[in-house]
Protein backbone atom coordinates (compact mmCIF):
# COMPACT_ATOMS: atom_id res chain seq x y z
CA MET A 1 66.25 35.35 19.45
CA CYS A 2 65.06 37.93 21.75
CA GLU A 3 64.13 39.99 19.20
CA HIS A 4 62.13 37.53 17.28
CA ARG A 5 60.45 36.63 20.62
CA ARG A 6 59.84 40.41 21.35
CA THR A 7 58.28 40.27 17.57
CA CYS A 8 56.11 37.50 18.16
CA ARG A 9 54.64 39.22 21.45
CA ARG A 10 54.45 42.72 19.62
CA GLN A 11 52.40 40.98 16.63
CA ALA A 12 49.95 39.33 19.11
CA ARG A 13 49.41 42.52 21.25
CA GLU A 14 48.49 44.68 17.83
CA GLN A 15 45.92 41.38 16.77
CA SER A 16 44.47 41.75 20.64
CA GLY A 17 44.05 45.54 20.97
CA GLY A 18 46.75 45.65 23.55
CA GLY A 19 47.89 49.22 22.76
CA ASP A 20 49.27 50.63 26.11
CA HIS A 21 52.67 48.58 26.44
CA HIS A 22 56.26 49.52 26.33
CA GLU A 23 59.07 47.32 25.39
CA GLY A 24 60.48 45.96 28.34
CA LEU A 25 57.84 45.29 30.69
CA SER A 26 56.74 41.92 29.28
CA SER A 27 58.63 39.06 30.02
CA ASP A 28 61.66 37.72 28.06
CA GLU A 29 62.12 34.58 30.26
CA GLU A 30 60.94 31.97 27.36
CA LEU A 31 63.16 28.94 26.58
CA THR A 32 63.33 27.64 22.97
CA PRO A 33 61.26 24.37 21.88
CA THR A 34 64.45 22.51 22.48
CA GLU A 35 65.11 23.59 25.97
CA VAL A 36 61.90 22.86 26.89
CA ASP A 37 61.78 19.45 25.33
CA GLU A 38 65.16 19.07 27.10
CA PHE A 39 63.42 19.88 30.37
CA GLN A 40 60.41 17.91 30.27
CA LYS A 41 62.41 14.78 29.55
CA SER A 42 64.31 15.12 32.15
CA LYS A 43 61.37 16.03 34.80
CA ASN A 44 59.45 12.73 33.16
CA ASN A 45 62.67 10.71 34.06
CA VAL A 46 63.07 12.22 37.62
CA LEU A 47 58.93 11.39 38.20
CA GLU A 48 59.19 8.05 36.60
CA ASP A 49 62.03 6.93 39.17
CA SER A 50 60.17 8.52 41.99
CA ARG A 51 57.18 6.55 41.05
CA LYS A 52 59.35 3.26 42.94
CA ILE A 53 60.21 4.42 45.72
CA PHE A 54 57.16 3.32 47.50
CA GLU A 55 56.05 0.29 45.11
CA ASP A 56 57.11 -2.13 47.82
CA VAL A 57 54.93 -0.34 50.13
CA HIS A 58 51.40 -1.32 51.48
CA ALA A 59 49.03 1.76 50.44
CA ASP A 60 48.10 1.72 54.27
CA PHE A 61 51.89 3.05 55.22
CA CYS A 62 52.73 5.39 51.91
CA ASP A 63 48.84 7.08 51.65
CA ILE A 64 49.07 9.79 53.44
CA ARG A 65 45.58 9.85 53.82
CA LYS A 66 45.05 6.17 55.61
CA ILE A 67 47.95 6.65 57.59
CA LEU A 68 46.10 10.16 59.22
CA LEU A 69 42.89 7.76 59.24
CA LYS A 70 44.54 5.10 61.35
CA PHE A 71 45.91 8.37 63.65
CA GLN A 72 42.21 9.53 63.91
CA GLU A 73 41.12 6.00 65.13
CA TRP A 74 43.66 5.95 67.41
CA LYS A 75 42.59 9.07 69.02
CA GLU A 76 38.94 8.66 69.26
CA LYS A 77 39.35 5.36 70.95
CA PHE A 78 42.27 6.19 73.34
CA PRO A 79 42.79 10.29 73.53
CA ASP A 80 44.65 9.96 76.70
CA SER A 81 47.27 7.18 75.21
CA TYR A 82 47.34 9.53 72.08
CA CYS A 83 48.45 12.58 73.74
CA ASP A 84 50.66 11.11 75.94
CA ALA A 85 52.36 9.80 73.10
CA TYR A 86 52.85 13.33 71.69
CA ILE A 87 51.56 12.34 68.12
CA SER A 88 50.99 15.65 66.97
CA PHE A 89 55.13 16.25 67.48
CA CYS A 90 55.83 12.82 65.81
CA LEU A 91 53.34 13.43 62.86
CA PRO A 92 55.44 16.02 60.54
CA LYS A 93 58.60 14.06 60.59
CA LEU A 94 56.81 10.89 59.99
CA LEU A 95 54.93 12.52 57.07
CA ASN A 96 58.37 14.43 55.68
CA PRO A 97 59.40 11.72 53.43
CA LEU A 98 55.99 11.40 51.74
CA ILE A 99 55.39 14.90 51.16
CA ARG A 100 58.46 15.36 49.79
CA VAL A 101 58.05 12.88 47.29
CA GLN A 102 54.69 14.55 46.02
CA LEU A 103 56.71 17.58 46.16
CA ILE A 104 59.31 16.54 43.49
CA SER A 105 57.72 18.37 40.37
CA TRP A 106 56.06 21.07 42.42
CA ASN A 107 56.96 24.46 41.39
CA PRO A 108 56.10 27.18 44.00
CA LEU A 109 56.13 29.70 41.14
CA GLU A 110 53.36 28.20 39.02
CA VAL A 111 51.54 26.42 41.47
CA GLY A 112 49.58 26.52 45.07
CA LEU A 113 49.72 24.44 47.86
CA GLU A 114 45.81 24.15 48.63
CA GLU A 115 45.13 21.94 45.67
CA MET A 116 47.68 19.04 46.54
CA PRO A 117 46.42 16.26 48.13
CA TRP A 118 48.60 15.83 51.23
CA PHE A 119 47.41 19.67 52.22
CA ARG A 120 44.19 18.53 52.09
CA ALA A 121 44.28 15.38 53.86
CA ILE A 122 46.41 17.35 56.90
CA GLU A 123 43.92 20.24 56.77
CA GLU A 124 41.03 17.77 56.89
CA PHE A 125 42.69 15.74 60.03
CA SER A 126 43.65 18.90 61.99
CA ASP A 127 40.08 20.38 61.61
CA ALA A 128 38.58 21.03 64.90
CA GLU A 129 34.96 20.31 63.60
CA ASN A 130 36.53 16.46 63.20
CA VAL A 131 38.09 16.30 66.74
CA SER A 132 37.03 14.20 69.29
CA GLU A 133 34.61 15.73 71.93
CA SER A 134 36.98 13.56 74.41
CA LYS A 135 39.65 16.04 73.16
CA ARG A 136 42.30 16.98 76.34
CA ASP A 137 43.19 20.58 76.24
CA ASP A 138 47.16 19.74 75.61
CA ASP A 139 46.07 18.27 72.17
CA HIS A 140 48.25 19.62 69.32
CA ASP A 141 46.69 18.30 66.16
CA GLN A 142 46.27 22.25 65.06
CA GLU A 143 49.98 22.69 64.78
CA VAL A 144 50.49 19.85 62.70
CA LEU A 145 50.12 21.42 59.18
CA PRO A 146 52.05 24.83 60.10
CA ARG A 147 54.77 22.43 61.38
CA VAL A 148 54.84 20.69 58.18
CA ILE A 149 54.65 23.95 56.37
CA GLU A 150 57.73 25.30 58.56
CA LYS A 151 59.67 22.22 58.17
CA THR A 152 59.25 20.69 55.35
CA ILE A 153 57.84 23.34 52.56
CA LEU A 154 59.61 26.48 53.64
CA PRO A 155 62.98 24.98 53.24
CA LYS A 156 61.79 24.09 49.41
CA ILE A 157 60.37 27.29 48.80
CA THR A 158 63.34 29.47 50.26
CA VAL A 159 65.56 26.85 47.62
CA PHE A 160 63.22 27.84 44.90
CA VAL A 161 63.85 31.73 45.72
CA LYS A 162 67.52 31.13 45.81
CA SER A 163 67.94 29.54 42.24
CA VAL A 164 65.00 29.58 40.42
CA TRP A 165 62.52 32.50 41.24
CA ASP A 166 63.31 35.59 38.67
CA PRO A 167 62.35 39.07 40.45
CA LEU A 168 62.27 40.50 36.73
CA SER A 169 59.25 37.67 35.78
CA THR A 170 56.08 39.29 37.36
CA SER A 171 54.14 36.20 37.00
CA GLN A 172 56.59 34.16 39.33
CA THR A 173 56.46 37.15 41.64
CA ARG A 174 52.85 37.19 41.79
CA ASN A 175 52.71 33.85 42.21
CA LEU A 176 54.93 33.50 44.72
CA VAL A 177 53.62 36.62 46.94
CA GLN A 178 50.04 34.99 46.78
CA LEU A 179 51.72 31.76 48.19
CA CYS A 180 53.10 33.53 51.03
CA ASN A 181 49.95 35.36 51.51
CA ASN A 182 48.42 32.10 51.97
CA ILE A 183 50.52 30.93 54.22
CA PHE A 184 50.65 33.87 56.65
CA GLY A 185 47.20 35.05 55.92
CA ARG A 186 45.25 31.95 56.62
CA GLN A 187 47.79 32.09 59.76
CA ILE A 188 48.64 28.39 58.79
CA LEU A 189 52.39 30.13 59.95
CA SER A 190 53.00 32.63 62.09
CA LYS A 191 55.42 35.72 61.12
CA ASN A 192 57.97 34.51 63.62
CA ASP A 193 61.73 33.14 63.23
CA SER A 194 60.51 30.36 61.22
CA ASN A 195 60.19 32.02 58.12
CA ARG A 196 63.33 34.38 58.61
CA ASP A 197 65.16 32.87 56.44
CA LEU A 198 62.30 32.63 53.36
CA MET A 199 61.99 36.53 53.86
CA ASN A 200 66.30 37.37 54.15
CA THR A 201 66.38 35.30 51.16
CA VAL A 202 63.70 37.23 49.03
CA VAL A 203 65.38 40.47 50.00
CA LEU A 204 68.91 39.23 49.07
CA ARG A 205 67.23 38.00 45.99
CA MET A 206 65.89 41.11 44.96
CA LYS A 207 68.85 43.35 46.23
CA LYS A 208 71.20 40.99 43.94
CA SER A 209 68.48 41.58 40.79
CA VAL A 210 68.70 45.80 41.45
CA GLU A 211 72.24 45.37 41.30
CA GLU A 212 73.29 43.07 38.58
CA ASP A 213 70.11 43.08 36.18
CA VAL A 214 69.34 47.17 36.35
CA PHE A 215 71.05 48.86 33.41
CA ILE A 216 69.96 52.25 31.81
CA PRO A 217 72.45 53.66 29.81
CA LEU A 218 73.02 57.28 29.35
CA TYR A 219 73.50 58.36 25.61
CA PRO A 220 73.68 62.30 24.76
CA LYS A 221 70.30 63.67 23.79
CA CYS A 222 71.10 64.13 20.12
CA THR A 223 71.51 60.26 19.91
CA VAL A 224 68.24 59.47 21.29
CA GLU A 225 66.17 62.11 19.73
CA ASP A 226 64.79 59.77 17.09
CA LYS A 227 62.91 57.59 18.95
CA SER A 228 63.10 55.12 16.45
CA SER A 229 66.61 54.73 16.49
CA LEU A 230 68.38 51.43 18.12
CA ARG A 231 70.06 53.55 21.07
CA SER A 232 66.77 54.81 21.84
CA LYS A 233 64.87 52.03 22.20
CA PHE A 234 67.23 50.37 23.80
CA GLN A 235 67.57 52.72 26.47
CA GLU A 236 63.70 53.10 26.61
CA ARG A 237 63.41 49.04 26.98
CA ARG A 238 65.73 49.37 29.73
CA PHE A 239 63.93 51.75 31.67
CA TRP A 240 61.01 50.02 31.42
CA SER A 241 62.38 46.83 32.33
CA ALA A 242 63.33 48.41 35.70
CA VAL A 243 59.81 50.16 36.10
CA LYS A 244 58.52 46.74 36.04
CA LEU A 245 61.49 45.91 38.70
CA LEU A 246 59.97 48.34 40.87
CA SER A 247 56.49 47.06 41.11
CA ASN A 248 57.49 43.45 41.22
CA VAL A 249 59.26 44.71 44.35
CA VAL A 250 56.88 46.83 45.81
CA LEU A 251 54.58 43.29 45.28
CA TRP A 252 55.94 42.18 48.49
CA ASP A 253 54.97 45.38 50.48
CA GLY A 254 53.27 43.74 53.92
CA ILE A 255 55.09 40.35 53.67
CA VAL A 256 58.72 41.66 53.66
CA GLN A 257 59.26 44.42 56.34
CA GLU A 258 58.24 47.85 54.95
CA ASP A 259 61.62 49.56 55.61
CA LYS A 260 63.30 47.20 53.52
CA VAL A 261 61.34 47.63 50.35
CA ARG A 262 61.13 50.65 50.33
CA ASP A 263 65.27 50.78 50.74
CA LEU A 264 65.05 48.50 47.81
CA GLY A 265 62.35 50.13 45.38
CA LEU A 266 63.22 53.49 46.35
CA SER A 267 66.14 54.19 47.59
CA LYS A 268 67.95 51.87 45.44
CA LEU A 269 66.22 51.32 42.26
CA LEU A 270 64.22 55.19 42.09
CA ASN A 271 66.51 57.04 43.01
CA ARG A 272 69.78 55.53 41.61
CA TYR A 273 68.57 54.31 38.22
CA LEU A 274 64.96 55.56 36.97
CA LEU A 275 65.02 58.87 38.42
CA LEU A 276 68.40 59.87 36.96
CA ASN A 277 66.65 58.54 32.98
CA ILE A 278 63.41 60.53 33.84
CA LEU A 279 65.19 63.82 35.00
CA ASN A 280 67.68 63.21 31.17
CA THR A 281 63.95 62.70 29.56
CA PRO A 282 62.66 65.71 27.93
CA LEU A 283 59.70 67.66 29.71
CA GLY A 284 56.19 66.65 27.98
CA PRO A 285 53.61 63.58 27.76
CA ASP A 286 56.66 61.08 27.47
CA ASN A 287 58.09 62.08 31.16
CA ILE A 288 54.77 62.32 32.66
CA GLU A 289 53.69 59.19 31.64
CA LYS A 290 57.00 57.59 33.15
CA CYS A 291 56.48 59.42 36.14
CA ASN A 292 52.71 58.06 36.51
CA LYS A 293 53.88 54.61 36.03
CA VAL A 294 56.27 55.00 38.61
CA VAL A 295 53.60 56.56 40.81
CA ALA A 296 51.37 53.65 40.09
CA CYS A 297 53.45 51.14 41.35
CA LEU A 298 53.58 52.75 44.53
CA PRO A 299 51.00 51.55 47.64
CA GLU A 300 48.68 53.97 48.46
CA ARG A 301 49.34 52.84 52.30
CA TRP A 302 52.66 54.38 52.23
CA PHE A 303 50.84 58.15 52.19
CA GLN A 304 48.21 57.74 54.30
CA ASP A 305 49.71 58.52 57.92
CA LEU A 306 52.06 61.18 56.64
CA LYS A 307 52.18 64.31 58.40
CA GLY A 308 52.61 67.51 57.83
CA GLY A 309 52.03 67.51 54.22
CA SER A 310 55.35 66.04 53.07
CA THR A 311 55.96 63.04 51.03
CA LEU A 312 58.40 60.33 52.18
CA PRO A 313 61.83 61.38 52.27
CA GLU A 314 63.01 58.86 49.71
CA LEU A 315 60.61 60.74 47.18
CA LEU A 316 61.57 64.15 47.61
CA ASN A 317 63.78 64.13 44.62
CA PHE A 318 61.31 62.78 42.96
CA SER A 319 58.45 65.37 43.93
CA GLN A 320 61.21 68.16 43.03
CA HIS A 321 61.38 66.70 39.56
CA LEU A 322 57.71 66.70 39.61
CA LEU A 323 57.37 70.56 40.53
CA GLN A 324 60.10 71.51 38.21
CA CYS A 325 57.95 69.76 35.18
CA VAL A 326 55.08 72.31 36.13
CA HIS A 327 57.47 75.20 36.47
CA ASN A 328 59.50 74.71 33.42
CA SER A 329 56.37 74.02 31.14
CA ALA A 330 55.00 77.85 32.11
CA ALA A 331 58.14 79.29 30.63
CA ILE A 332 57.76 76.89 27.07
CA ILE A 333 53.87 77.63 26.75
CA SER A 334 53.33 81.21 25.35
CA PHE A 335 50.19 81.86 27.00
CA PHE A 336 50.45 81.41 30.84
CA PHE A 337 46.46 81.18 31.40
CA LYS A 338 46.25 78.14 28.96
CA PHE A 339 49.04 76.66 31.06
CA LEU A 340 47.25 77.32 34.39
CA ASN A 341 44.59 75.11 33.47
CA SER A 342 46.25 72.82 31.36
CA ASP A 343 45.33 69.11 31.73
CA GLU A 344 49.12 68.33 31.84
CA THR A 345 49.28 70.94 34.88
CA LYS A 346 46.44 69.36 36.41
CA GLU A 347 47.72 65.83 35.97
CA VAL A 348 51.59 66.40 37.54
CA LEU A 349 49.88 68.16 40.57
CA LEU A 350 47.81 65.00 40.95
CA LEU A 351 50.97 63.13 41.77
CA LEU A 352 52.48 65.07 43.63
CA VAL A 353 48.89 64.71 45.73
CA LYS A 354 49.06 60.69 45.51
CA ILE A 355 52.78 60.77 46.69
CA GLY A 356 51.60 62.76 49.60
CA ALA A 357 53.92 66.20 49.12
CA LEU A 358 51.12 68.56 50.06
CA HIS A 359 52.83 71.29 50.69
CA ILE A 360 54.51 71.53 47.36
CA VAL A 361 50.63 71.64 45.75
CA GLU A 362 49.37 73.99 48.32
CA ASP A 363 52.50 76.51 47.80
CA PHE A 364 52.05 76.02 44.05
CA ILE A 365 48.40 77.28 43.66
CA GLU A 366 49.09 79.87 46.23
CA GLU A 367 51.72 81.50 43.93
CA HIS A 368 49.68 81.32 41.39
CA LYS A 369 45.88 81.72 42.51
CA LEU A 370 44.78 78.45 41.12
CA GLU A 371 41.75 78.29 43.96
CA HIS A 372 39.95 76.02 41.83
CA LEU A 373 42.45 73.72 42.33
CA LYS A 374 41.91 73.63 46.35
CA PRO A 375 39.89 70.78 46.39
CA MET A 376 42.49 68.27 44.91
CA ILE A 377 44.31 68.51 48.01
CA GLY A 378 41.19 68.62 50.33
CA LYS A 379 40.50 72.27 50.85
């Protein structure tokens, strides 16, 4: 079944002209038609039952917008009484069951929050421009939405991260990262203890994926020299799947603490799995392409404030491999002058520059008297 899905995706890419692709980079998470039908049937049954929850409740008491309008009217007419009753602190608990009903069909891995009716209603209610001019200093309506996010939304997202999210899925990861960026970037929720559980769950789920989903077999070189062999195809597919996981892990940079992202992406994934495969790949275009893809995954921000011309500690072995690529190519190519001016050499040196290994590049340029390449290191 997996091979059939790969064939269908391959044919679709060929028809659309997408040639720059490796087996393992695409998702393999599709469900069979039978599974889709069964899930949709179960989902429809749950949604049908959920519609009966408030069927005997008057609209004024089960419609979030109408409920908030009543509180808004109270605030405008009797602001002192409104604030003395601590309504801003009570609203999140009052709205919680109503919001949870609307969230029954919500999948945070697919859909954001901003377009949901309850979100817009609370946002409008908390909008400073709509607040009465007689607002007191102890008015906390601006905190209603953050408290709803903290008490109602984050627990649901955390459960999805723990039980549903697949870190190998680029689409799911991008949607989840975008959702967290919208929550934190808009300052709806500040980065404090309230989101610690969610971030810890994200890290634990990625760590589990690195430990359990990554497998790159090592075969004798004679068995994988034939690129059309099953062993070679399987090994390559597993390598590129790990590269995809690396790119997904790095997407969390700026949300999850940098040291945790670097530990997962570089120490555990790159140095433990990817680099071993790269070292066993024959030198040449295929090896350089793999190195290129790895470097392309890494955020430029990590290398902006490096000092002393040295790269990150986690990338020392990788940078040494790149240097070895250059030196070994020199021994293979007969015309040394041609090697020194080859595009392949410049490409590898540029990778070293991108990861901040300027000392290595500078020493190589000085050793081989390549004055014309000094501009790439800013000299």
